[in-house]
C-alpha atoms as a PDB file:
ATOM      1  CA  MET A   1     -75.784  50.481-208.279  1.00  0.00           C
ATOM      2  CA  ASN A   2     -77.180  48.167-210.906  1.00  0.00           C
ATOM      3  CA  PHE A   3     -80.484  48.620-212.682  1.00  0.00           C
ATOM      4  CA  LEU A   4     -82.605  46.941-215.302  1.00  0.00           C
ATOM      5  CA  LEU A   5     -84.934  49.207-217.225  1.00  0.00           C
ATOM      6  CA  VAL A   6     -87.904  47.523-218.885  1.00  0.00           C
ATOM      7  CA  ASP A   7     -89.926  49.647-221.276  1.00  0.00           C
ATOM      8  CA  ARG A   8     -91.492  49.446-224.688  1.00  0.00           C
ATOM      9  CA  ILE A   9     -89.891  52.734-225.709  1.00  0.00           C
ATOM     10  CA  ASN A  10     -86.296  52.156-226.680  1.00  0.00           C
ATOM     11  CA  GLU A  11     -85.348  55.825-226.247  1.00  0.00           C
ATOM     12  CA  TRP A  12     -85.506  55.497-222.445  1.00  0.00           C
ATOM     13  CA  ALA A  13     -82.285  53.493-222.647  1.00  0.00           C
ATOM     14  CA  ASP A  14     -80.528  56.591-224.021  1.00  0.00           C
ATOM     15  CA  THR A  15     -81.949  58.725-221.213  1.00  0.00           C
ATOM     16  CA  TRP A  16     -80.640  56.387-218.513  1.00  0.00           C
ATOM     17  CA  ARG A  17     -77.233  56.100-220.176  1.00  0.00           C
ATOM     18  CA  ALA A  18     -76.943  59.890-220.376  1.00  0.00           C
ATOM     19  CA  ALA A  19     -77.927  60.304-216.718  1.00  0.00           C
ATOM     20  CA  ARG A  20     -75.504  57.559-215.643  1.00  0.00           C
ATOM     21  CA  THR A  21     -72.624  59.169-217.541  1.00  0.00           C
ATOM     22  CA  GLN A  22     -73.314  62.611-216.117  1.00  0.00           C
ATOM     23  CA  ILE A  23     -73.589  61.359-212.519  1.00  0.00           C
ATOM     24  CA  GLN A  24     -70.304  59.489-212.793  1.00  0.00           C
ATOM     25  CA  THR A  25     -68.564  62.490-214.401  1.00  0.00           C
ATOM     26  CA  ARG A  26     -69.804  64.922-211.750  1.00  0.00           C
ATOM     27  CA  LEU A  27     -68.758  62.651-208.879  1.00  0.00           C
ATOM     28  CA  GLN A  28     -65.297  62.269-210.390  1.00  0.00           C
ATOM     29  CA  LYS A  29     -64.916  66.050-210.835  1.00  0.00           C
ATOM     30  CA  ARG A  30     -65.857  66.599-207.184  1.00  0.00           C
ATOM     31  CA  GLY A  31     -63.366  64.006-205.977  1.00  0.00           C
ATOM     32  CA  LYS A  32     -66.125  61.888-204.501  1.00  0.00           C
ATOM     33  CA  PRO A  33     -65.682  58.150-204.110  1.00  0.00           C
ATOM     34  CA  PRO A  34     -66.714  56.392-207.306  1.00  0.00           C
ATOM     35  CA  LEU A  35     -70.255  55.161-207.591  1.00  0.00           C
ATOM     36  CA  LEU A  36     -70.317  52.282-209.991  1.00  0.00           C
ATOM     37  CA  ILE A  37     -73.505  52.458-212.000  1.00  0.00           C
ATOM     38  CA  SER A  38     -74.327  49.735-214.446  1.00  0.00           C
ATOM     39  CA  GLY A  39     -77.525  48.832-216.099  1.00  0.00           C
ATOM     40  CA  ASP A  40     -79.291  47.107-218.871  1.00  0.00           C
ATOM     41  CA  PHE A  41     -82.334  47.860-220.940  1.00  0.00           C
ATOM     42  CA  ILE A  42     -84.882  45.329-222.127  1.00  0.00           C
ATOM     43  CA  GLN A  43     -87.532  46.373-224.587  1.00  0.00           C
ATOM     44  CA  VAL A  44     -90.808  44.754-223.537  1.00  0.00           C
ATOM     45  CA  ASP A  45     -94.293  46.080-224.159  1.00  0.00           C
ATOM     46  CA  VAL A  46     -96.290  45.015-221.099  1.00  0.00           C
ATOM     47  CA  ASN A  47     -99.377  45.995-223.080  1.00  0.00           C
ATOM     48  CA  SER A  48     -98.655  43.219-225.578  1.00  0.00           C
ATOM     49  CA  ALA A  49     -99.791  39.727-224.640  1.00  0.00           C
ATOM     50  CA  SER A  50     -97.215  38.165-226.968  1.00  0.00           C
ATOM     51  CA  ASP A  51     -94.348  40.216-225.489  1.00  0.00           C
ATOM     52  CA  VAL A  52     -95.356  39.184-221.989  1.00  0.00           C
ATOM     53  CA  ARG A  53     -95.946  35.501-222.749  1.00  0.00           C
ATOM     54  CA  ASN A  54     -92.923  35.084-225.017  1.00  0.00           C
ATOM     55  CA  PHE A  55     -90.423  37.004-222.950  1.00  0.00           C
ATOM     56  CA  GLY A  56     -87.108  35.187-222.573  1.00  0.00           C
ATOM     57  CA  ASN A  57     -85.828  33.635-219.393  1.00  0.00           C
ATOM     58  CA  TRP A  58     -87.950  35.176-216.650  1.00  0.00           C
ATOM     59  CA  GLY A  59     -86.006  33.471-213.885  1.00  0.00           C
ATOM     60  CA  THR A  60     -82.631  35.032-214.627  1.00  0.00           C
ATOM     61  CA  VAL A  61     -83.924  38.543-215.303  1.00  0.00           C
ATOM     62  CA  PHE A  62     -86.458  39.149-212.565  1.00  0.00           C
ATOM     63  CA  THR A  63     -84.650  38.125-209.394  1.00  0.00           C
ATOM     64  CA  GLN A  64     -84.147  41.645-208.042  1.00  0.00           C
ATOM     65  CA  ASP A  65     -84.824  42.944-204.541  1.00  0.00           C
ATOM     66  CA  LEU A  66     -86.507  46.147-205.730  1.00  0.00           C
ATOM     67  CA  TYR A  67     -88.917  46.846-208.575  1.00  0.00           C
ATOM     68  CA  ILE A  68     -90.238  50.304-209.390  1.00  0.00           C
ATOM     69  CA  LEU A  69     -93.452  50.727-211.357  1.00  0.00           C
ATOM     70  CA  CYS A  70     -93.502  54.456-211.991  1.00  0.00           C
ATOM     71  CA  TYR A  71     -96.685  55.813-213.610  1.00  0.00           C
ATOM     72  CA  LEU A  72     -97.019  52.521-215.459  1.00  0.00           C
ATOM     73  CA  ILE A  73    -100.617  51.748-214.523  1.00  0.00           C
ATOM     74  CA  SER A  74    -102.012  55.125-215.520  1.00  0.00           C
ATOM     75  CA  GLU A  75    -100.065  55.024-218.782  1.00  0.00           C
ATOM     76  CA  ILE A  76    -101.681  51.777-219.946  1.00  0.00           C
ATOM     77  CA  PHE A  77    -105.010  51.949-218.119  1.00  0.00           C
ATOM     78  CA  ASP A  78    -107.000  50.774-221.117  1.00  0.00           C
ATOM     79  CA  ASP A  79    -105.448  47.284-221.200  1.00  0.00           C
ATOM     80  CA  ILE A  80    -104.637  46.398-217.625  1.00  0.00           C
ATOM     81  CA  GLY A  81    -104.987  42.640-218.233  1.00  0.00           C
ATOM     82  CA  ASN A  82    -101.554  42.219-219.768  1.00  0.00           C
ATOM     83  CA  LEU A  83     -99.981  44.326-217.025  1.00  0.00           C
ATOM     84  CA  GLU A  84    -101.624  42.051-214.450  1.00  0.00           C
ATOM     85  CA  GLU A  85    -100.091  39.004-216.134  1.00  0.00           C
ATOM     86  CA  PHE A  86     -96.695  40.722-216.376  1.00  0.00           C
ATOM     87  CA  THR A  87     -96.778  41.683-212.690  1.00  0.00           C
ATOM     88  CA  ARG A  88     -97.744  38.138-211.649  1.00  0.00           C
ATOM     89  CA  LEU A  89     -94.897  36.664-213.707  1.00  0.00           C
ATOM     90  CA  VAL A  90     -92.339  39.093-212.290  1.00  0.00           C
ATOM     91  CA  ALA A  91     -93.575  38.576-208.714  1.00  0.00           C
ATOM     92  CA  ARG A  92     -93.463  34.807-209.150  1.00  0.00           C
ATOM     93  CA  GLN A  93     -89.720  35.011-209.985  1.00  0.00           C
ATOM     94  CA  ALA A  94     -88.834  37.697-207.434  1.00  0.00           C
ATOM     95  CA  PRO A  95     -87.368  36.509-204.138  1.00  0.00           C
ATOM     96  CA  VAL A  96     -89.579  36.436-201.054  1.00  0.00           C
ATOM     97  CA  GLY A  97     -89.351  39.852-199.423  1.00  0.00           C
ATOM     98  CA  ALA A  98     -88.725  41.701-202.697  1.00  0.00           C
ATOM     99  CA  LYS A  99     -90.140  45.225-202.688  1.00  0.00           C
ATOM    100  CA  PHE A 100     -92.377  46.695-205.371  1.00  0.00           C
ATOM    101  CA  LEU A 101     -92.629  50.485-205.302  1.00  0.00           C
ATOM    102  CA  PHE A 102     -95.737  51.779-207.058  1.00  0.00           C
ATOM    103  CA  VAL A 103     -95.742  55.485-207.966  1.00  0.00           C
ATOM    104  CA  GLU A 104     -98.849  56.903-209.636  1.00  0.00           C
ATOM    105  CA  ARG A 105    -100.973  59.944-210.211  1.00  0.00           C
ATOM    106  CA  ARG A 106    -102.979  60.767-207.111  1.00  0.00           C
ATOM    107  CA  GLU A 107    -106.391  59.384-208.080  1.00  0.00           C
ATOM    108  CA  SER A 108    -108.498  56.720-206.396  1.00  0.00           C
ATOM    109  CA  GLN A 109    -108.742  54.640-209.573  1.00  0.00           C
ATOM    110  CA  TRP A 110    -104.949  54.095-209.535  1.00  0.00           C
ATOM    111  CA  GLU A 111    -105.006  53.176-205.844  1.00  0.00           C
ATOM    112  CA  ASP A 112    -107.658  50.570-206.632  1.00  0.00           C
ATOM    113  CA  LYS A 113    -105.613  49.155-209.528  1.00  0.00           C
ATOM    114  CA  ILE A 114    -102.503  48.937-207.339  1.00  0.00           C
ATOM    115  CA  LYS A 115    -104.492  47.053-204.693  1.00  0.00           C
ATOM    116  CA  ASP A 116    -105.740  44.617-207.347  1.00  0.00           C
ATOM    117  CA  LEU A 117    -102.275  44.103-208.844  1.00  0.00           C
ATOM    118  CA  ALA A 118    -100.763  43.434-205.435  1.00  0.00           C
ATOM    119  CA  ALA A 119    -103.507  41.049-204.351  1.00  0.00           C
ATOM    120  CA  ASN A 120    -103.273  39.073-207.597  1.00  0.00           C
ATOM    121  CA  SER A 121     -99.470  38.906-207.409  1.00  0.00           C
ATOM    122  CA  GLY A 122     -98.986  37.733-203.819  1.00  0.00           C
ATOM    123  CA  MET A 123     -97.883  41.043-202.335  1.00  0.00           C
ATOM    124  CA  ALA A 124     -98.727  42.656-199.027  1.00  0.00           C
ATOM    125  CA  LEU A 125     -99.215  46.414-199.402  1.00  0.00           C
ATOM    126  CA  GLU A 126     -98.132  49.040-196.933  1.00  0.00           C
ATOM    127  CA  GLU A 127    -100.274  52.136-196.524  1.00  0.00           C
ATOM    128  CA  PHE A 128    -100.546  54.609-199.372  1.00  0.00           C
ATOM    129  CA  ARG A 129     -98.644  57.838-198.996  1.00  0.00           C
ATOM    130  CA  TYR A 130     -99.146  61.066-200.885  1.00  0.00           C
ATOM    131  CA  SER A 131     -96.887  63.797-202.132  1.00  0.00           C
ATOM    132  CA  GLN A 132     -97.780  67.045-203.824  1.00  0.00           C
ATOM    133  CA  GLY A 133     -95.809  70.136-204.626  1.00  0.00           C
ATOM    134  CA  ASN A 134     -93.464  72.097-206.802  1.00  0.00           C
ATOM    135  CA  MET A 135     -89.745  72.013-207.198  1.00  0.00           C
ATOM    136  CA  ASP A 136     -88.120  74.053-204.424  1.00  0.00           C
ATOM    137  CA  ALA A 137     -87.465  77.701-205.226  1.00  0.00           C
ATOM    138  CA  ASP A 138     -83.718  77.138-204.879  1.00  0.00           C
ATOM    139  CA  GLU A 139     -83.839  74.319-207.446  1.00  0.00           C
ATOM    140  CA  GLN A 140     -83.931  75.078-211.129  1.00  0.00           C
ATOM    141  CA  MET A 141     -84.030  72.834-214.182  1.00  0.00           C
ATOM    142  CA  SER A 142     -80.836  74.555-215.280  1.00  0.00           C
ATOM    143  CA  ASP A 143     -79.131  72.916-212.254  1.00  0.00           C
ATOM    144  CA  LEU A 144     -79.254  69.687-214.228  1.00  0.00           C
ATOM    145  CA  GLY A 145     -76.798  71.257-216.665  1.00  0.00           C
ATOM    146  CA  GLU A 146     -75.416  68.794-219.156  1.00  0.00           C
ATOM    147  CA  ILE A 147     -77.854  66.099-218.036  1.00  0.00           C
ATOM    148  CA  LEU A 148     -80.760  68.252-219.214  1.00  0.00           C
ATOM    149  CA  ASP A 149     -78.967  68.925-222.497  1.00  0.00           C
ATOM    150  CA  ASP A 150     -78.180  65.232-223.014  1.00  0.00           C
ATOM    151  CA  VAL A 151     -81.712  64.103-222.218  1.00  0.00           C
ATOM    152  CA  GLY A 152     -83.213  66.785-224.434  1.00  0.00           C
ATOM    153  CA  ARG A 153     -86.451  67.112-222.468  1.00  0.00           C
ATOM    154  CA  LYS A 154     -87.656  69.414-219.748  1.00  0.00           C
ATOM    155  CA  SER A 155     -88.227  67.774-216.400  1.00  0.00           C
ATOM    156  CA  ARG A 156     -91.511  67.932-214.538  1.00  0.00           C
ATOM    157  CA  VAL A 157     -91.582  70.760-211.965  1.00  0.00           C
ATOM    158  CA  THR A 158     -94.870  69.939-210.206  1.00  0.00           C
ATOM    159  CA  TRP A 159     -96.384  66.708-208.961  1.00  0.00           C
ATOM    160  CA  ASP A 160     -99.436  65.249-207.236  1.00  0.00           C
ATOM    161  CA  ALA A 161     -98.584  61.631-206.644  1.00  0.00           C
ATOM    162  CA  LEU A 162     -99.301  58.619-204.513  1.00  0.00           C
ATOM    163  CA  TYR A 163     -96.904  55.847-203.688  1.00  0.00           C
ATOM    164  CA  CYS A 164     -97.027  52.534-201.942  1.00  0.00           C
ATOM    165  CA  VAL A 165     -94.671  49.638-201.282  1.00  0.00           C
ATOM    166  CA  GLY A 166     -95.689  46.040-201.825  1.00  0.00           C
ATOM    167  CA  THR A 167     -93.717  43.137-200.414  1.00  0.00           C
ATOM    168  CA  LYS A 168     -93.716  39.701-201.995  1.00  0.00           C
ATOM    169  CA  GLN A 169     -94.957  37.150-199.496  1.00  0.00           C
END
């Protein structure tokens, strides 16, 4: 599994590295076949016009089959213009058929923004789906063990989300 994490907050790179290390260690301890996890982190502020316009070689970075935009729209709702440009640039470089998974807070304003982003970026959207709930009673944050310690933050235990998949045409 290979991933590329793009965020303006550099600390997320540490979080992903800690999770990757713990997953690999646990699989090895259980005698499971190795899962090779590799990834890179690029610090880009999609809220910054200069970061978006002056980003390096778009063609070699954004040629993935899957992109995940997780709570990104609602996090930067006050300056959606730069996100629109960023999404268009990424979609332009992505191969035809690439999937864009949008995950957001369950509110109509975020659905509307996702529809706009997809339409302006040449994506066909599937239907919106919704998920709401709490962590199962048999699941506890403590089950994360060393991962929770390494990350240093408590995970979310409730959610009320929407999600939708866009496909580049």
